[in-house]
Amino acid sequence: MGQQRRRIKHTTSFQERLLQQAAELQKSADQLPPGVERELLMKRVRQAEMALKIDDWLAVPGSAPPAALGAMKREPNVS
């Protein structure tokens, strides 16, 4: 039989983990000089914040999508 998936029992909620991740990424980005690496971290901060908005939206049945969701667009790749 195949491998079993590893199960993780989280001690914090999904929202708390996203908030913590966004705060840590923001702190790391603030310590960097302007440049590609900082922009990549800021992109991840924005992604975590958008995930929070989407999670809030999905938690309320029948609610309208967040306004920012309609304005989402692909960000250019930073190489």
C-alpha atoms as a PDB file:
ATOM      1  CA  MET A   1       0.000   0.000   0.000  1.00  0.00           C
ATOM      2  CA  GLY A   2       1.177   3.600  -0.615  1.00  0.00           C
ATOM      3  CA  GLN A   3       2.575   6.056   1.856  1.00  0.00           C
ATOM      4  CA  GLN A   4       0.276   7.626   4.391  1.00  0.00           C
ATOM      5  CA  ARG A   5      -0.001  11.397   4.531  1.00  0.00           C
ATOM      6  CA  ARG A   6       1.565  13.054   7.508  1.00  0.00           C
ATOM      7  CA  ARG A   7      -1.104  14.703   9.597  1.00  0.00           C
ATOM      8  CA  ILE A   8      -0.319  17.837  11.549  1.00  0.00           C
ATOM      9  CA  LYS A   9      -2.396  18.935  14.506  1.00  0.00           C
ATOM     10  CA  HIS A  10      -2.222  22.727  14.488  1.00  0.00           C
ATOM     11  CA  THR A  11      -2.395  24.514  17.811  1.00  0.00           C
ATOM     12  CA  THR A  12      -3.351  27.847  16.238  1.00  0.00           C
ATOM     13  CA  SER A  13      -6.052  28.740  13.742  1.00  0.00           C
ATOM     14  CA  PHE A  14      -5.417  29.257  10.047  1.00  0.00           C
ATOM     15  CA  GLN A  15      -6.011  33.000  10.454  1.00  0.00           C
ATOM     16  CA  GLU A  16      -3.563  33.237  13.356  1.00  0.00           C
ATOM     17  CA  ARG A  17      -0.905  31.424  11.337  1.00  0.00           C
ATOM     18  CA  LEU A  18      -1.460  33.734   8.350  1.00  0.00           C
ATOM     19  CA  LEU A  19      -1.271  36.826  10.563  1.00  0.00           C
ATOM     20  CA  GLN A  20       1.926  35.573  12.166  1.00  0.00           C
ATOM     21  CA  GLN A  21       3.457  34.761   8.785  1.00  0.00           C
ATOM     22  CA  ALA A  22       2.556  38.190   7.382  1.00  0.00           C
ATOM     23  CA  ALA A  23       4.035  39.932  10.440  1.00  0.00           C
ATOM     24  CA  GLU A  24       7.269  37.930  10.250  1.00  0.00           C
ATOM     25  CA  LEU A  25       7.626  38.564   6.521  1.00  0.00           C
ATOM     26  CA  GLN A  26       6.928  42.278   7.001  1.00  0.00           C
ATOM     27  CA  LYS A  27       9.559  42.471   9.738  1.00  0.00           C
ATOM     28  CA  SER A  28      12.102  40.723   7.509  1.00  0.00           C
ATOM     29  CA  ALA A  29      11.285  42.989   4.570  1.00  0.00           C
ATOM     30  CA  ASP A  30      11.632  46.106   6.723  1.00  0.00           C
ATOM     31  CA  GLN A  31      15.203  45.112   7.557  1.00  0.00           C
ATOM     32  CA  LEU A  32      16.241  44.826   3.908  1.00  0.00           C
ATOM     33  CA  PRO A  33      17.304  47.641   1.613  1.00  0.00           C
ATOM     34  CA  PRO A  34      15.066  48.337  -1.392  1.00  0.00           C
ATOM     35  CA  GLY A  35      15.549  45.696  -4.049  1.00  0.00           C
ATOM     36  CA  VAL A  36      14.370  42.428  -5.503  1.00  0.00           C
ATOM     37  CA  GLU A  37      14.586  40.385  -2.304  1.00  0.00           C
ATOM     38  CA  ARG A  38      12.552  42.949  -0.368  1.00  0.00           C
ATOM     39  CA  GLU A  39       9.919  43.105  -3.111  1.00  0.00           C
ATOM     40  CA  LEU A  40       9.578  39.315  -3.071  1.00  0.00           C
ATOM     41  CA  LEU A  41       8.979  39.384   0.686  1.00  0.00           C
ATOM     42  CA  MET A  42       6.435  42.188   0.300  1.00  0.00           C
ATOM     43  CA  LYS A  43       4.655  40.142  -2.371  1.00  0.00           C
ATOM     44  CA  ARG A  44       4.368  37.266   0.107  1.00  0.00           C
ATOM     45  CA  VAL A  45       2.994  39.692   2.730  1.00  0.00           C
ATOM     46  CA  ARG A  46       0.299  40.809   0.277  1.00  0.00           C
ATOM     47  CA  GLN A  47      -0.511  37.175  -0.548  1.00  0.00           C
ATOM     48  CA  ALA A  48      -0.963  36.325   3.136  1.00  0.00           C
ATOM     49  CA  GLU A  49      -3.192  39.375   3.613  1.00  0.00           C
ATOM     50  CA  MET A  50      -5.295  38.414   0.584  1.00  0.00           C
ATOM     51  CA  ALA A  51      -5.590  34.855   1.906  1.00  0.00           C
ATOM     52  CA  LEU A  52      -6.976  36.310   5.149  1.00  0.00           C
ATOM     53  CA  LYS A  53      -9.569  38.312   3.214  1.00  0.00           C
ATOM     54  CA  ILE A  54     -10.572  35.281   1.166  1.00  0.00           C
ATOM     55  CA  ASP A  55     -10.821  33.131   4.297  1.00  0.00           C
ATOM     56  CA  ASP A  56     -13.079  35.749   5.926  1.00  0.00           C
ATOM     57  CA  TRP A  57     -15.208  35.874   2.786  1.00  0.00           C
ATOM     58  CA  LEU A  58     -15.593  32.094   2.639  1.00  0.00           C
ATOM     59  CA  ALA A  59     -16.565  31.931   6.306  1.00  0.00           C
ATOM     60  CA  VAL A  60     -19.767  33.934   5.714  1.00  0.00           C
ATOM     61  CA  PRO A  61     -22.248  32.152   3.426  1.00  0.00           C
ATOM     62  CA  GLY A  62     -23.798  34.355   0.763  1.00  0.00           C
ATOM     63  CA  SER A  63     -21.418  37.267   1.255  1.00  0.00           C
ATOM     64  CA  ALA A  64     -20.014  39.274  -1.617  1.00  0.00           C
ATOM     65  CA  PRO A  65     -16.357  38.767  -2.500  1.00  0.00           C
ATOM     66  CA  PRO A  66     -13.873  41.276  -1.089  1.00  0.00           C
ATOM     67  CA  ALA A  67     -13.463  44.369  -3.255  1.00  0.00           C
ATOM     68  CA  ALA A  68      -9.738  43.685  -3.565  1.00  0.00           C
ATOM     69  CA  LEU A  69     -10.488  40.259  -5.012  1.00  0.00           C
ATOM     70  CA  GLY A  70     -12.010  41.809  -8.109  1.00  0.00           C
ATOM     71  CA  ALA A  71      -8.941  43.970  -8.564  1.00  0.00           C
ATOM     72  CA  MET A  72      -6.543  41.040  -8.272  1.00  0.00           C
ATOM     73  CA  LYS A  73      -4.209  40.715 -11.171  1.00  0.00           C
ATOM     74  CA  ARG A  74      -1.101  38.762 -11.845  1.00  0.00           C
ATOM     75  CA  GLU A  75       1.925  40.525 -10.550  1.00  0.00           C
ATOM     76  CA  PRO A  76       4.907  40.575 -12.890  1.00  0.00           C
ATOM     77  CA  ASN A  77       7.593  38.035 -12.120  1.00  0.00           C
ATOM     78  CA  VAL A  78      10.580  39.567 -10.411  1.00  0.00           C
ATOM     79  CA  SER A  79      13.742  37.943 -11.695  1.00  0.00           C
END
